Amino acid sequence: MEICNTITEKLPTADILLLTLLPRGQKPNHLREKHKKINGLISEAAKALDRIQVVNLDKDIIQSDGSISHRDMYDYLHLSHQGYRRIFEPLHELLSQMLHGDDSKLVNEIVAATHSTLPSPSDNPQPAEQ
């Protein structure tokens, strides 16, 4: 939050996207609960700042039964290629809308071009290359 405060002080018209912590572990566990509490604290603190939006990253990773697929997080800690796509495609679309919100045709072209250039996630999850 101190970093967000500094950015806001130096660039008062800047929009900030603050990403939440990712969950970890195949099934619900104490570390996920800890991350959930930290994410809640981050969300609460962010309400005090203007032009900041908290982006919840775990909503597309955690399945309805509370588990995480090995296809999204191959070791239940690190994202696979499919996991990165699942999380960051919506974030990319949000950024495109923020940058080009008044030009929906351009946003659609950017999103379509990005989707066609991204590799397809394989059925055999592998660690994402560093």
N, C-alpha and C. Protein backbone atom coordinates (compact mmCIF):
# COMPACT_ATOMS: atom_id res chain seq x y z
N MET A 1 0.83 -1.19 0.00
CA MET A 1 0.00 0.00 0.00
C MET A 1 0.87 1.25 0.00
N GLU A 2 2.05 1.14 0.60
CA GLU A 2 2.96 2.29 0.59
C GLU A 2 3.39 2.62 -0.84
N ILE A 3 3.60 1.61 -1.65
CA ILE A 3 3.96 1.83 -3.06
C ILE A 3 2.81 2.54 -3.78
N CYS A 4 1.60 2.10 -3.53
CA CYS A 4 0.43 2.75 -4.14
C CYS A 4 0.32 4.20 -3.69
N ASN A 5 0.57 4.46 -2.41
CA ASN A 5 0.55 5.84 -1.91
C ASN A 5 1.59 6.70 -2.61
N THR A 6 2.79 6.16 -2.80
CA THR A 6 3.86 6.90 -3.47
C THR A 6 3.48 7.20 -4.92
N ILE A 7 2.95 6.20 -5.61
CA ILE A 7 2.53 6.42 -7.00
C ILE A 7 1.45 7.49 -7.05
N THR A 8 0.49 7.43 -6.15
CA THR A 8 -0.60 8.40 -6.12
C THR A 8 -0.08 9.80 -5.84
N GLU A 9 0.90 9.92 -4.96
CA GLU A 9 1.48 11.24 -4.66
C GLU A 9 2.22 11.80 -5.86
N LYS A 10 3.01 10.98 -6.53
CA LYS A 10 3.83 11.47 -7.63
C LYS A 10 3.06 11.58 -8.95
N LEU A 11 2.05 10.71 -9.13
CA LEU A 11 1.25 10.71 -10.35
C LEU A 11 -0.23 10.65 -9.97
N PRO A 12 -0.79 11.77 -9.54
CA PRO A 12 -2.16 11.76 -9.01
C PRO A 12 -3.24 11.36 -10.01
N THR A 13 -2.96 11.42 -11.30
CA THR A 13 -3.97 11.03 -12.28
C THR A 13 -3.77 9.60 -12.79
N ALA A 14 -2.79 8.90 -12.25
CA ALA A 14 -2.51 7.52 -12.69
C ALA A 14 -3.57 6.56 -12.13
N ASP A 15 -3.97 5.64 -12.97
CA ASP A 15 -4.84 4.55 -12.53
C ASP A 15 -3.95 3.40 -12.08
N ILE A 16 -4.32 2.77 -10.98
CA ILE A 16 -3.53 1.67 -10.43
C ILE A 16 -4.38 0.42 -10.39
N LEU A 17 -3.84 -0.66 -10.93
CA LEU A 17 -4.47 -1.97 -10.79
C LEU A 17 -3.63 -2.75 -9.78
N LEU A 18 -4.26 -3.13 -8.70
CA LEU A 18 -3.58 -3.84 -7.63
C LEU A 18 -4.05 -5.29 -7.66
N LEU A 19 -3.11 -6.20 -7.93
CA LEU A 19 -3.45 -7.61 -8.08
C LEU A 19 -3.40 -8.33 -6.74
N THR A 20 -4.38 -9.18 -6.50
CA THR A 20 -4.42 -9.94 -5.25
C THR A 20 -3.42 -11.09 -5.30
N LEU A 21 -3.16 -11.67 -4.14
CA LEU A 21 -2.31 -12.85 -4.06
C LEU A 21 -3.05 -14.05 -4.63
N LEU A 22 -2.31 -14.92 -5.28
CA LEU A 22 -2.90 -16.15 -5.80
C LEU A 22 -3.09 -17.17 -4.69
N PRO A 23 -4.08 -18.04 -4.84
CA PRO A 23 -4.24 -19.12 -3.87
C PRO A 23 -3.14 -20.16 -4.08
N ARG A 24 -3.00 -21.06 -3.14
CA ARG A 24 -2.04 -22.15 -3.30
C ARG A 24 -2.60 -23.40 -2.65
N GLY A 25 -2.16 -24.54 -3.14
CA GLY A 25 -2.64 -25.82 -2.62
C GLY A 25 -3.81 -26.33 -3.43
N GLN A 26 -3.85 -27.65 -3.63
CA GLN A 26 -4.91 -28.25 -4.44
C GLN A 26 -6.29 -28.03 -3.83
N LYS A 27 -6.37 -28.16 -2.52
CA LYS A 27 -7.65 -28.02 -1.82
C LYS A 27 -7.54 -26.87 -0.81
N PRO A 28 -8.67 -26.39 -0.30
CA PRO A 28 -8.62 -25.32 0.71
C PRO A 28 -7.70 -25.71 1.87
N ASN A 29 -6.92 -24.73 2.35
CA ASN A 29 -5.97 -24.99 3.43
C ASN A 29 -5.68 -23.70 4.17
N HIS A 30 -4.86 -23.77 5.22
CA HIS A 30 -4.60 -22.59 6.05
C HIS A 30 -3.87 -21.48 5.29
N LEU A 31 -3.02 -21.83 4.33
CA LEU A 31 -2.33 -20.79 3.55
C LEU A 31 -3.31 -20.04 2.65
N ARG A 32 -4.29 -20.74 2.11
CA ARG A 32 -5.31 -20.06 1.31
C ARG A 32 -6.10 -19.10 2.18
N GLU A 33 -6.41 -19.52 3.40
CA GLU A 33 -7.13 -18.65 4.33
C GLU A 33 -6.31 -17.41 4.66
N LYS A 34 -5.00 -17.61 4.84
CA LYS A 34 -4.10 -16.48 5.13
C LYS A 34 -4.07 -15.51 3.95
N HIS A 35 -3.97 -16.05 2.72
CA HIS A 35 -3.98 -15.20 1.53
C HIS A 35 -5.30 -14.46 1.39
N LYS A 36 -6.39 -15.15 1.72
CA LYS A 36 -7.71 -14.53 1.64
C LYS A 36 -7.80 -13.34 2.60
N LYS A 37 -7.27 -13.50 3.82
CA LYS A 37 -7.27 -12.40 4.79
C LYS A 37 -6.41 -11.25 4.31
N ILE A 38 -5.23 -11.57 3.77
CA ILE A 38 -4.34 -10.52 3.25
C ILE A 38 -5.02 -9.79 2.10
N ASN A 39 -5.65 -10.54 1.20
CA ASN A 39 -6.36 -9.91 0.07
C ASN A 39 -7.49 -9.01 0.57
N GLY A 40 -8.16 -9.43 1.63
CA GLY A 40 -9.21 -8.59 2.21
C GLY A 40 -8.65 -7.30 2.78
N LEU A 41 -7.51 -7.40 3.46
CA LEU A 41 -6.86 -6.20 4.00
C LEU A 41 -6.42 -5.25 2.88
N ILE A 42 -5.89 -5.83 1.81
CA ILE A 42 -5.47 -5.03 0.66
C ILE A 42 -6.69 -4.31 0.07
N SER A 43 -7.78 -5.03 -0.11
CA SER A 43 -8.99 -4.44 -0.68
C SER A 43 -9.53 -3.31 0.19
N GLU A 44 -9.53 -3.51 1.48
CA GLU A 44 -10.00 -2.47 2.41
C GLU A 44 -9.11 -1.24 2.35
N ALA A 45 -7.80 -1.45 2.39
CA ALA A 45 -6.87 -0.32 2.37
C ALA A 45 -6.96 0.43 1.04
N ALA A 46 -7.21 -0.29 -0.05
CA ALA A 46 -7.28 0.34 -1.37
C ALA A 46 -8.49 1.26 -1.49
N LYS A 47 -9.53 1.03 -0.71
CA LYS A 47 -10.72 1.87 -0.77
C LYS A 47 -10.43 3.31 -0.37
N ALA A 48 -9.37 3.50 0.42
CA ALA A 48 -9.02 4.84 0.88
C ALA A 48 -8.32 5.66 -0.19
N LEU A 49 -7.87 5.02 -1.26
CA LEU A 49 -7.15 5.72 -2.32
C LEU A 49 -8.04 5.89 -3.55
N ASP A 50 -7.87 7.02 -4.21
CA ASP A 50 -8.59 7.26 -5.47
C ASP A 50 -7.85 6.58 -6.61
N ARG A 51 -8.60 6.22 -7.63
CA ARG A 51 -8.04 5.71 -8.89
C ARG A 51 -7.29 4.39 -8.73
N ILE A 52 -7.71 3.59 -7.76
CA ILE A 52 -7.09 2.28 -7.58
C ILE A 52 -8.16 1.21 -7.69
N GLN A 53 -7.85 0.15 -8.39
CA GLN A 53 -8.79 -0.94 -8.57
C GLN A 53 -8.09 -2.24 -8.19
N VAL A 54 -8.69 -2.98 -7.28
CA VAL A 54 -8.15 -4.27 -6.87
C VAL A 54 -8.70 -5.33 -7.82
N VAL A 55 -7.79 -6.15 -8.37
CA VAL A 55 -8.18 -7.20 -9.31
C VAL A 55 -7.99 -8.54 -8.61
N ASN A 56 -9.11 -9.24 -8.39
CA ASN A 56 -9.09 -10.53 -7.72
C ASN A 56 -8.67 -11.60 -8.72
N LEU A 57 -7.47 -12.16 -8.54
CA LEU A 57 -6.94 -13.13 -9.49
C LEU A 57 -7.42 -14.55 -9.27
N ASP A 58 -7.91 -14.87 -8.08
CA ASP A 58 -8.22 -16.28 -7.81
C ASP A 58 -9.61 -16.72 -8.28
N LYS A 59 -10.44 -15.79 -8.69
CA LYS A 59 -11.81 -16.18 -9.04
C LYS A 59 -11.87 -17.14 -10.22
N ASP A 60 -10.92 -17.08 -11.14
CA ASP A 60 -10.94 -17.97 -12.29
C ASP A 60 -10.10 -19.23 -12.09
N ILE A 61 -9.39 -19.32 -10.98
CA ILE A 61 -8.52 -20.47 -10.71
C ILE A 61 -9.21 -21.48 -9.78
N ILE A 62 -9.93 -20.98 -8.80
CA ILE A 62 -10.57 -21.87 -7.84
C ILE A 62 -11.88 -22.40 -8.43
N GLN A 63 -12.01 -23.71 -8.46
CA GLN A 63 -13.20 -24.34 -9.03
C GLN A 63 -14.34 -24.34 -8.02
N SER A 64 -15.52 -24.71 -8.47
CA SER A 64 -16.71 -24.64 -7.62
C SER A 64 -16.59 -25.50 -6.36
N ASP A 65 -15.81 -26.57 -6.41
CA ASP A 65 -15.63 -27.42 -5.22
C ASP A 65 -14.49 -26.94 -4.32
N GLY A 66 -13.88 -25.80 -4.67
CA GLY A 66 -12.80 -25.23 -3.86
C GLY A 66 -11.42 -25.71 -4.24
N SER A 67 -11.33 -26.62 -5.19
CA SER A 67 -10.02 -27.14 -5.59
C SER A 67 -9.42 -26.30 -6.71
N ILE A 68 -8.14 -26.54 -6.95
CA ILE A 68 -7.43 -25.93 -8.07
C ILE A 68 -6.98 -27.06 -8.98
N SER A 69 -7.20 -26.91 -10.27
CA SER A 69 -6.80 -27.93 -11.24
C SER A 69 -5.30 -27.89 -11.46
N HIS A 70 -4.70 -29.07 -11.61
CA HIS A 70 -3.28 -29.13 -11.93
C HIS A 70 -3.00 -28.55 -13.31
N ARG A 71 -4.03 -28.41 -14.12
CA ARG A 71 -3.85 -27.79 -15.43
C ARG A 71 -3.64 -26.28 -15.32
N ASP A 72 -4.11 -25.70 -14.22
CA ASP A 72 -3.93 -24.27 -14.00
C ASP A 72 -2.68 -23.97 -13.15
N MET A 73 -2.45 -24.82 -12.17
CA MET A 73 -1.26 -24.68 -11.30
C MET A 73 -0.67 -26.08 -11.16
N TYR A 74 0.34 -26.36 -11.97
CA TYR A 74 0.85 -27.73 -12.08
C TYR A 74 1.33 -28.31 -10.76
N ASP A 75 1.84 -27.47 -9.87
CA ASP A 75 2.28 -27.93 -8.56
C ASP A 75 1.46 -27.29 -7.44
N TYR A 76 0.35 -26.67 -7.81
CA TYR A 76 -0.58 -25.99 -6.89
C TYR A 76 0.06 -24.78 -6.21
N LEU A 77 1.14 -24.28 -6.81
CA LEU A 77 1.79 -23.07 -6.35
C LEU A 77 2.11 -22.15 -7.53
N HIS A 78 2.64 -22.73 -8.61
CA HIS A 78 3.05 -21.96 -9.78
C HIS A 78 2.05 -22.18 -10.92
N LEU A 79 1.81 -21.12 -11.66
CA LEU A 79 0.86 -21.20 -12.77
C LEU A 79 1.45 -21.96 -13.96
N SER A 80 0.62 -22.73 -14.62
CA SER A 80 0.98 -23.35 -15.89
C SER A 80 0.67 -22.33 -16.99
N HIS A 81 0.97 -22.69 -18.23
CA HIS A 81 0.62 -21.79 -19.35
C HIS A 81 -0.88 -21.53 -19.36
N GLN A 82 -1.66 -22.58 -19.15
CA GLN A 82 -3.13 -22.42 -19.13
C GLN A 82 -3.55 -21.52 -17.98
N GLY A 83 -2.91 -21.67 -16.82
CA GLY A 83 -3.23 -20.84 -15.66
C GLY A 83 -2.94 -19.37 -15.94
N TYR A 84 -1.80 -19.10 -16.56
CA TYR A 84 -1.49 -17.71 -16.91
C TYR A 84 -2.54 -17.14 -17.85
N ARG A 85 -2.92 -17.91 -18.84
CA ARG A 85 -3.94 -17.42 -19.78
C ARG A 85 -5.26 -17.17 -19.07
N ARG A 86 -5.65 -18.10 -18.21
CA ARG A 86 -6.93 -17.98 -17.51
C ARG A 86 -6.96 -16.71 -16.65
N ILE A 87 -5.85 -16.39 -16.04
CA ILE A 87 -5.81 -15.24 -15.15
C ILE A 87 -5.60 -13.93 -15.92
N PHE A 88 -4.68 -13.93 -16.87
CA PHE A 88 -4.28 -12.67 -17.46
C PHE A 88 -5.03 -12.26 -18.71
N GLU A 89 -5.79 -13.14 -19.35
CA GLU A 89 -6.62 -12.69 -20.47
C GLU A 89 -7.66 -11.66 -20.01
N PRO A 90 -8.40 -11.94 -18.92
CA PRO A 90 -9.35 -10.91 -18.45
C PRO A 90 -8.65 -9.61 -18.03
N LEU A 91 -7.47 -9.73 -17.45
CA LEU A 91 -6.71 -8.54 -17.05
C LEU A 91 -6.27 -7.76 -18.29
N HIS A 92 -5.86 -8.46 -19.33
CA HIS A 92 -5.48 -7.80 -20.57
C HIS A 92 -6.66 -7.04 -21.17
N GLU A 93 -7.83 -7.68 -21.14
CA GLU A 93 -9.03 -7.02 -21.67
C GLU A 93 -9.38 -5.78 -20.84
N LEU A 94 -9.23 -5.87 -19.52
CA LEU A 94 -9.48 -4.71 -18.66
C LEU A 94 -8.51 -3.57 -18.99
N LEU A 95 -7.24 -3.90 -19.14
CA LEU A 95 -6.26 -2.86 -19.49
C LEU A 95 -6.56 -2.24 -20.85
N SER A 96 -6.93 -3.06 -21.81
CA SER A 96 -7.27 -2.55 -23.14
C SER A 96 -8.45 -1.60 -23.06
N GLN A 97 -9.45 -1.95 -22.26
CA GLN A 97 -10.61 -1.08 -22.10
C GLN A 97 -10.24 0.22 -21.40
N MET A 98 -9.35 0.13 -20.42
CA MET A 98 -8.92 1.34 -19.72
C MET A 98 -8.15 2.27 -20.66
N LEU A 99 -7.31 1.69 -21.50
CA LEU A 99 -6.48 2.50 -22.39
C LEU A 99 -7.23 3.01 -23.61
N HIS A 100 -8.19 2.22 -24.07
CA HIS A 100 -8.90 2.56 -25.30
C HIS A 100 -10.40 2.48 -25.11
N GLY A 101 -10.88 2.83 -23.95
CA GLY A 101 -12.29 2.67 -23.60
C GLY A 101 -13.25 3.35 -24.53
N ASP A 102 -12.84 4.45 -25.12
CA ASP A 102 -13.76 5.18 -25.99
C ASP A 102 -13.72 4.67 -27.43
N ASP A 103 -12.92 3.65 -27.68
CA ASP A 103 -12.81 3.11 -29.03
C ASP A 103 -13.02 1.60 -28.98
N SER A 104 -14.28 1.17 -28.91
CA SER A 104 -14.60 -0.25 -28.76
C SER A 104 -14.10 -1.08 -29.93
N LYS A 105 -14.08 -0.50 -31.13
CA LYS A 105 -13.58 -1.25 -32.29
C LYS A 105 -12.11 -1.58 -32.10
N LEU A 106 -11.32 -0.61 -31.62
CA LEU A 106 -9.91 -0.83 -31.39
C LEU A 106 -9.69 -1.87 -30.29
N VAL A 107 -10.47 -1.79 -29.22
CA VAL A 107 -10.35 -2.77 -28.14
C VAL A 107 -10.61 -4.17 -28.67
N ASN A 108 -11.66 -4.33 -29.46
CA ASN A 108 -11.98 -5.64 -30.02
C ASN A 108 -10.87 -6.15 -30.94
N GLU A 109 -10.27 -5.26 -31.72
CA GLU A 109 -9.16 -5.67 -32.60
C GLU A 109 -7.95 -6.09 -31.78
N ILE A 110 -7.65 -5.36 -30.71
CA ILE A 110 -6.51 -5.70 -29.85
C ILE A 110 -6.73 -7.06 -29.20
N VAL A 111 -7.92 -7.26 -28.66
CA VAL A 111 -8.23 -8.53 -27.99
C VAL A 111 -8.16 -9.68 -29.00
N ALA A 112 -8.73 -9.50 -30.18
CA ALA A 112 -8.71 -10.56 -31.20
C ALA A 112 -7.28 -10.86 -31.63
N ALA A 113 -6.47 -9.83 -31.84
CA ALA A 113 -5.08 -10.04 -32.24
C ALA A 113 -4.30 -10.77 -31.16
N THR A 114 -4.54 -10.42 -29.92
CA THR A 114 -3.83 -11.06 -28.81
C THR A 114 -4.22 -12.52 -28.71
N HIS A 115 -5.51 -12.81 -28.84
CA HIS A 115 -5.97 -14.20 -28.74
C HIS A 115 -5.38 -15.05 -29.86
N SER A 116 -5.20 -14.47 -31.04
CA SER A 116 -4.67 -15.26 -32.16
C SER A 116 -3.17 -15.47 -32.05
N THR A 117 -2.46 -14.64 -31.28
CA THR A 117 -1.01 -14.78 -31.17
C THR A 117 -0.57 -15.54 -29.93
N LEU A 118 -1.47 -15.73 -28.97
CA LEU A 118 -1.12 -16.48 -27.77
C LEU A 118 -1.13 -17.97 -28.07
N PRO A 119 -0.16 -18.72 -27.53
CA PRO A 119 -0.18 -20.16 -27.75
C PRO A 119 -1.36 -20.79 -27.04
N SER A 120 -1.90 -21.85 -27.60
CA SER A 120 -3.01 -22.55 -26.97
C SER A 120 -2.49 -23.37 -25.80
N PRO A 121 -3.22 -23.38 -24.69
CA PRO A 121 -2.78 -24.20 -23.57
C PRO A 121 -2.90 -25.67 -23.94
N SER A 122 -1.91 -26.45 -23.56
CA SER A 122 -1.93 -27.88 -23.89
C SER A 122 -2.66 -28.66 -22.82
N ASP A 123 -3.07 -29.86 -23.18
CA ASP A 123 -3.69 -30.74 -22.21
C ASP A 123 -2.66 -31.32 -21.26
N ASN A 124 -1.40 -31.21 -21.61
CA ASN A 124 -0.31 -31.69 -20.77
C ASN A 124 0.34 -30.49 -20.12
N PRO A 125 -0.09 -30.11 -18.92
CA PRO A 125 0.41 -28.89 -18.29
C PRO A 125 1.89 -28.97 -18.01
N GLN A 126 2.58 -27.91 -18.34
CA GLN A 126 4.01 -27.81 -18.09
C GLN A 126 4.27 -26.51 -17.35
N PRO A 127 5.34 -26.45 -16.60
CA PRO A 127 5.66 -25.17 -15.95
C PRO A 127 5.86 -24.09 -16.98
N ALA A 128 5.44 -22.90 -16.65
CA ALA A 128 5.65 -21.76 -17.53
C ALA A 128 7.12 -21.45 -17.55
N GLU A 129 7.63 -21.10 -18.73
CA GLU A 129 9.04 -20.75 -18.85
C GLU A 129 9.29 -19.42 -18.17
N GLN A 130 10.41 -19.35 -17.52
CA GLN A 130 10.78 -18.14 -16.79
C GLN A 130 11.27 -17.08 -17.74
